[in-house]
Amino acid sequence: MERRMHDMAEMMKRLHRMGRYGGYGGLKTMVLYTLSEQPKNGVEIMDAIEMMSFGHWKPSPGSIYPLLKKAMTEENLVRKRDDGRYELTSEGCAEIEGSGVGRGPASTSVDGAIAEIDNYLSYLEDLPRERVARHRERIEGIAERLERLREAVAHADE
């Protein structure tokens, strides 16, 4: 039990340094960590994360359920049981153990980087518009860079 508390404290420190509990990628880590304790339904996962953040943050259903669906269908990290609770698969257990608690993406591959971008975009899309609006210039700059990358990739096939 003492070891789990130490692991959880370490994960929270690392996610906090990454910003708002690590964005969507951090949320995935937190979900997997809560499921490593025991199977839970979506509400229990949200409550566990709120408790882990000492009441500072509770993810929305709009963040949790799409993440669970993606983790089940695309990544095979969790499965939904007949009782409606989610549990880790062997791949989910390996993800938690292999990446280290809260250490960030397990891979620095192109696929891993694109998955992280997708996760962070989902996180930003879930935020209230007024919170994101003050970062408009940076978002526009990122959009321009992504457009240049998209064009370069499109021309690479020619």
C-alpha atoms as a PDB file:
ATOM      1  CA  MET A   1       0.000   0.000   0.000  1.00  0.00           C
ATOM      2  CA  GLU A   2       2.830   2.404   0.864  1.00  0.00           C
ATOM      3  CA  ARG A   3       4.464   1.696  -2.510  1.00  0.00           C
ATOM      4  CA  ARG A   4       1.199   2.480  -4.368  1.00  0.00           C
ATOM      5  CA  MET A   5       0.878   5.797  -2.515  1.00  0.00           C
ATOM      6  CA  HIS A   6       4.460   6.653  -3.478  1.00  0.00           C
ATOM      7  CA  ASP A   7       3.767   5.713  -7.125  1.00  0.00           C
ATOM      8  CA  MET A   8       0.595   7.818  -7.159  1.00  0.00           C
ATOM      9  CA  ALA A   9       2.388  10.804  -5.620  1.00  0.00           C
ATOM     10  CA  GLU A  10       5.181  10.513  -8.187  1.00  0.00           C
ATOM     11  CA  MET A  11       2.688  10.311 -11.043  1.00  0.00           C
ATOM     12  CA  MET A  12       0.845  13.401  -9.798  1.00  0.00           C
ATOM     13  CA  LYS A  13       4.106  15.371  -9.540  1.00  0.00           C
ATOM     14  CA  ARG A  14       5.133  14.433 -13.082  1.00  0.00           C
ATOM     15  CA  LEU A  15       1.705  15.134 -14.556  1.00  0.00           C
ATOM     16  CA  HIS A  16       1.498  18.461 -12.735  1.00  0.00           C
ATOM     17  CA  ARG A  17       4.847  19.496 -14.245  1.00  0.00           C
ATOM     18  CA  MET A  18       3.432  18.647 -17.684  1.00  0.00           C
ATOM     19  CA  GLY A  19       0.552  21.076 -17.063  1.00  0.00           C
ATOM     20  CA  ARG A  20      -3.073  20.518 -16.002  1.00  0.00           C
ATOM     21  CA  TYR A  21      -2.423  16.886 -15.173  1.00  0.00           C
ATOM     22  CA  GLY A  22      -0.710  16.166 -18.460  1.00  0.00           C
ATOM     23  CA  GLY A  23      -3.478  17.000 -20.904  1.00  0.00           C
ATOM     24  CA  TYR A  24      -5.263  14.191 -22.663  1.00  0.00           C
ATOM     25  CA  GLY A  25      -2.167  11.970 -22.710  1.00  0.00           C
ATOM     26  CA  GLY A  26      -1.867  12.413 -18.962  1.00  0.00           C
ATOM     27  CA  LEU A  27      -5.531  11.564 -18.576  1.00  0.00           C
ATOM     28  CA  LYS A  28      -4.900   8.255 -20.309  1.00  0.00           C
ATOM     29  CA  THR A  29      -2.128   7.504 -17.821  1.00  0.00           C
ATOM     30  CA  MET A  30      -4.389   8.404 -14.913  1.00  0.00           C
ATOM     31  CA  VAL A  31      -7.223   6.214 -16.235  1.00  0.00           C
ATOM     32  CA  LEU A  32      -4.902   3.251 -16.694  1.00  0.00           C
ATOM     33  CA  TYR A  33      -3.450   3.781 -13.238  1.00  0.00           C
ATOM     34  CA  THR A  34      -6.898   3.843 -11.586  1.00  0.00           C
ATOM     35  CA  LEU A  35      -7.856   0.670 -13.432  1.00  0.00           C
ATOM     36  CA  SER A  36      -4.671  -1.026 -12.248  1.00  0.00           C
ATOM     37  CA  GLU A  37      -6.147  -0.941  -8.741  1.00  0.00           C
ATOM     38  CA  GLN A  38      -9.451  -2.628  -9.679  1.00  0.00           C
ATOM     39  CA  PRO A  39     -12.097  -2.545 -12.434  1.00  0.00           C
ATOM     40  CA  LYS A  40     -14.253   0.598 -12.424  1.00  0.00           C
ATOM     41  CA  ASN A  41     -17.080   2.143 -14.392  1.00  0.00           C
ATOM     42  CA  GLY A  42     -16.725   5.589 -15.968  1.00  0.00           C
ATOM     43  CA  VAL A  43     -18.133   7.489 -12.973  1.00  0.00           C
ATOM     44  CA  GLU A  44     -15.843   5.604 -10.592  1.00  0.00           C
ATOM     45  CA  ILE A  45     -12.868   6.470 -12.820  1.00  0.00           C
ATOM     46  CA  MET A  46     -13.791  10.181 -12.803  1.00  0.00           C
ATOM     47  CA  ASP A  47     -14.225  10.106  -9.008  1.00  0.00           C
ATOM     48  CA  ALA A  48     -10.889   8.310  -8.527  1.00  0.00           C
ATOM     49  CA  ILE A  49      -9.084  10.907 -10.654  1.00  0.00           C
ATOM     50  CA  GLU A  50     -10.744  13.715  -8.705  1.00  0.00           C
ATOM     51  CA  MET A  51      -9.492  12.087  -5.506  1.00  0.00           C
ATOM     52  CA  MET A  52      -5.990  11.647  -6.987  1.00  0.00           C
ATOM     53  CA  SER A  53      -5.888  15.368  -7.785  1.00  0.00           C
ATOM     54  CA  PHE A  54      -6.987  16.147  -4.227  1.00  0.00           C
ATOM     55  CA  GLY A  55     -10.244  17.632  -5.526  1.00  0.00           C
ATOM     56  CA  HIS A  56      -8.573  20.071  -7.913  1.00  0.00           C
ATOM     57  CA  TRP A  57      -9.850  18.473 -11.104  1.00  0.00           C
ATOM     58  CA  LYS A  58     -12.469  16.009 -12.247  1.00  0.00           C
ATOM     59  CA  PRO A  59     -12.464  14.963 -15.901  1.00  0.00           C
ATOM     60  CA  SER A  60     -15.719  15.281 -17.815  1.00  0.00           C
ATOM     61  CA  PRO A  61     -17.659  12.389 -19.319  1.00  0.00           C
ATOM     62  CA  GLY A  62     -16.771  13.960 -22.684  1.00  0.00           C
ATOM     63  CA  SER A  63     -13.109  13.256 -21.909  1.00  0.00           C
ATOM     64  CA  ILE A  64     -13.392   9.872 -20.202  1.00  0.00           C
ATOM     65  CA  TYR A  65     -15.747   7.918 -22.438  1.00  0.00           C
ATOM     66  CA  PRO A  66     -14.073   8.708 -25.793  1.00  0.00           C
ATOM     67  CA  LEU A  67     -10.732   7.878 -24.190  1.00  0.00           C
ATOM     68  CA  LEU A  68     -12.067   4.548 -22.899  1.00  0.00           C
ATOM     69  CA  LYS A  69     -13.510   3.752 -26.325  1.00  0.00           C
ATOM     70  CA  LYS A  70     -10.195   4.585 -28.017  1.00  0.00           C
ATOM     71  CA  ALA A  71      -8.238   2.575 -25.412  1.00  0.00           C
ATOM     72  CA  MET A  72     -10.550  -0.379 -26.029  1.00  0.00           C
ATOM     73  CA  THR A  73     -10.885  -0.331 -29.790  1.00  0.00           C
ATOM     74  CA  GLU A  74      -7.634   1.099 -31.118  1.00  0.00           C
ATOM     75  CA  GLU A  75      -5.100   0.309 -28.425  1.00  0.00           C
ATOM     76  CA  ASN A  76      -6.588  -2.780 -26.716  1.00  0.00           C
ATOM     77  CA  LEU A  77      -5.549  -1.416 -23.314  1.00  0.00           C
ATOM     78  CA  VAL A  78      -8.902  -1.918 -21.575  1.00  0.00           C
ATOM     79  CA  ARG A  79     -12.008  -4.026 -22.021  1.00  0.00           C
ATOM     80  CA  LYS A  80     -15.565  -3.481 -20.845  1.00  0.00           C
ATOM     81  CA  ARG A  81     -16.917  -6.251 -18.671  1.00  0.00           C
ATOM     82  CA  ASP A  82     -20.501  -7.491 -18.639  1.00  0.00           C
ATOM     83  CA  ASP A  83     -21.129  -5.546 -15.414  1.00  0.00           C
ATOM     84  CA  GLY A  84     -20.248  -2.267 -17.201  1.00  0.00           C
ATOM     85  CA  ARG A  85     -16.882  -1.848 -15.504  1.00  0.00           C
ATOM     86  CA  TYR A  86     -13.636  -1.410 -17.401  1.00  0.00           C
ATOM     87  CA  GLU A  87     -10.553  -3.475 -16.668  1.00  0.00           C
ATOM     88  CA  LEU A  88      -7.008  -3.492 -17.988  1.00  0.00           C
ATOM     89  CA  THR A  89      -5.989  -5.993 -20.602  1.00  0.00           C
ATOM     90  CA  SER A  90      -2.515  -7.519 -20.537  1.00  0.00           C
ATOM     91  CA  GLU A  91      -1.503  -4.748 -22.984  1.00  0.00           C
ATOM     92  CA  GLY A  92      -2.866  -2.141 -20.552  1.00  0.00           C
ATOM     93  CA  CYS A  93      -0.866  -3.649 -17.706  1.00  0.00           C
ATOM     94  CA  ALA A  94       2.254  -3.625 -19.878  1.00  0.00           C
ATOM     95  CA  GLU A  95       1.611   0.029 -20.801  1.00  0.00           C
ATOM     96  CA  ILE A  96       1.521   1.036 -17.137  1.00  0.00           C
ATOM     97  CA  GLU A  97       4.548  -1.025 -16.191  1.00  0.00           C
ATOM     98  CA  GLY A  98       6.551  -0.427 -19.360  1.00  0.00           C
ATOM     99  CA  SER A  99       6.160   3.333 -19.533  1.00  0.00           C
ATOM    100  CA  GLY A 100       6.626   4.027 -15.844  1.00  0.00           C
ATOM    101  CA  VAL A 101       3.928   5.802 -13.894  1.00  0.00           C
ATOM    102  CA  GLY A 102       3.298   9.231 -15.387  1.00  0.00           C
ATOM    103  CA  ARG A 103       6.479   9.296 -17.430  1.00  0.00           C
ATOM    104  CA  GLY A 104       4.699  10.338 -20.607  1.00  0.00           C
ATOM    105  CA  PRO A 105       4.535   8.620 -23.969  1.00  0.00           C
ATOM    106  CA  ALA A 106       6.159   5.210 -24.002  1.00  0.00           C
ATOM    107  CA  SER A 107       7.274   5.757 -27.567  1.00  0.00           C
ATOM    108  CA  THR A 108       8.867   8.598 -29.473  1.00  0.00           C
ATOM    109  CA  SER A 109       7.940   7.102 -32.830  1.00  0.00           C
ATOM    110  CA  VAL A 110       6.056   9.056 -35.474  1.00  0.00           C
ATOM    111  CA  ASP A 111       2.936   7.041 -34.593  1.00  0.00           C
ATOM    112  CA  GLY A 112       3.411   7.891 -30.914  1.00  0.00           C
ATOM    113  CA  ALA A 113       3.911  11.588 -31.640  1.00  0.00           C
ATOM    114  CA  ILE A 114       0.818  11.752 -33.857  1.00  0.00           C
ATOM    115  CA  ALA A 115      -1.229   9.930 -31.206  1.00  0.00           C
ATOM    116  CA  GLU A 116      -0.081  12.460 -28.601  1.00  0.00           C
ATOM    117  CA  ILE A 117      -1.022  15.384 -30.862  1.00  0.00           C
ATOM    118  CA  ASP A 118      -4.442  13.806 -31.373  1.00  0.00           C
ATOM    119  CA  ASN A 119      -4.847  13.320 -27.607  1.00  0.00           C
ATOM    120  CA  TYR A 120      -3.915  16.922 -26.848  1.00  0.00           C
ATOM    121  CA  LEU A 121      -6.292  18.208 -29.528  1.00  0.00           C
ATOM    122  CA  SER A 122      -9.115  16.210 -27.935  1.00  0.00           C
ATOM    123  CA  TYR A 123      -8.228  17.716 -24.579  1.00  0.00           C
ATOM    124  CA  LEU A 124      -8.235  21.268 -25.983  1.00  0.00           C
ATOM    125  CA  GLU A 125     -11.545  20.632 -27.730  1.00  0.00           C
ATOM    126  CA  ASP A 126     -13.068  19.672 -24.355  1.00  0.00           C
ATOM    127  CA  LEU A 127     -12.045  22.923 -22.674  1.00  0.00           C
ATOM    128  CA  PRO A 128     -14.410  25.898 -22.472  1.00  0.00           C
ATOM    129  CA  ARG A 129     -13.791  28.152 -25.488  1.00  0.00           C
ATOM    130  CA  GLU A 130     -12.949  31.163 -23.329  1.00  0.00           C
ATOM    131  CA  ARG A 131     -10.029  29.264 -21.777  1.00  0.00           C
ATOM    132  CA  VAL A 132      -8.600  28.425 -25.173  1.00  0.00           C
ATOM    133  CA  ALA A 133      -9.379  31.756 -26.874  1.00  0.00           C
ATOM    134  CA  ARG A 134      -6.571  33.632 -25.126  1.00  0.00           C
ATOM    135  CA  HIS A 135      -4.098  31.324 -26.897  1.00  0.00           C
ATOM    136  CA  ARG A 136      -5.458  32.095 -30.370  1.00  0.00           C
ATOM    137  CA  GLU A 137      -2.154  33.342 -31.852  1.00  0.00           C
ATOM    138  CA  ARG A 138      -0.243  30.263 -30.744  1.00  0.00           C
ATOM    139  CA  ILE A 139      -2.992  27.987 -32.047  1.00  0.00           C
ATOM    140  CA  GLU A 140      -2.921  29.779 -35.401  1.00  0.00           C
ATOM    141  CA  GLY A 141       0.862  29.369 -35.534  1.00  0.00           C
ATOM    142  CA  ILE A 142       0.565  25.655 -34.798  1.00  0.00           C
ATOM    143  CA  ALA A 143      -2.163  25.331 -37.449  1.00  0.00           C
ATOM    144  CA  GLU A 144       0.137  26.969 -40.012  1.00  0.00           C
ATOM    145  CA  ARG A 145       2.967  24.600 -39.122  1.00  0.00           C
ATOM    146  CA  LEU A 146       0.633  21.606 -39.403  1.00  0.00           C
ATOM    147  CA  GLU A 147      -0.557  22.847 -42.792  1.00  0.00           C
ATOM    148  CA  ARG A 148       3.059  23.134 -44.011  1.00  0.00           C
ATOM    149  CA  LEU A 149       3.727  19.599 -42.760  1.00  0.00           C
ATOM    150  CA  ARG A 150       0.541  18.325 -44.442  1.00  0.00           C
ATOM    151  CA  GLU A 151       1.629  19.890 -47.745  1.00  0.00           C
ATOM    152  CA  ALA A 152       5.144  18.479 -47.461  1.00  0.00           C
ATOM    153  CA  VAL A 153       3.767  14.994 -46.813  1.00  0.00           C
ATOM    154  CA  ALA A 154       1.339  15.312 -49.725  1.00  0.00           C
ATOM    155  CA  HIS A 155       4.213  16.281 -52.062  1.00  0.00           C
ATOM    156  CA  ALA A 156       6.415  13.452 -50.759  1.00  0.00           C
ATOM    157  CA  ASP A 157       4.110  10.951 -52.468  1.00  0.00           C
ATOM    158  CA  GLU A 158       4.548  12.618 -55.880  1.00  0.00           C
END
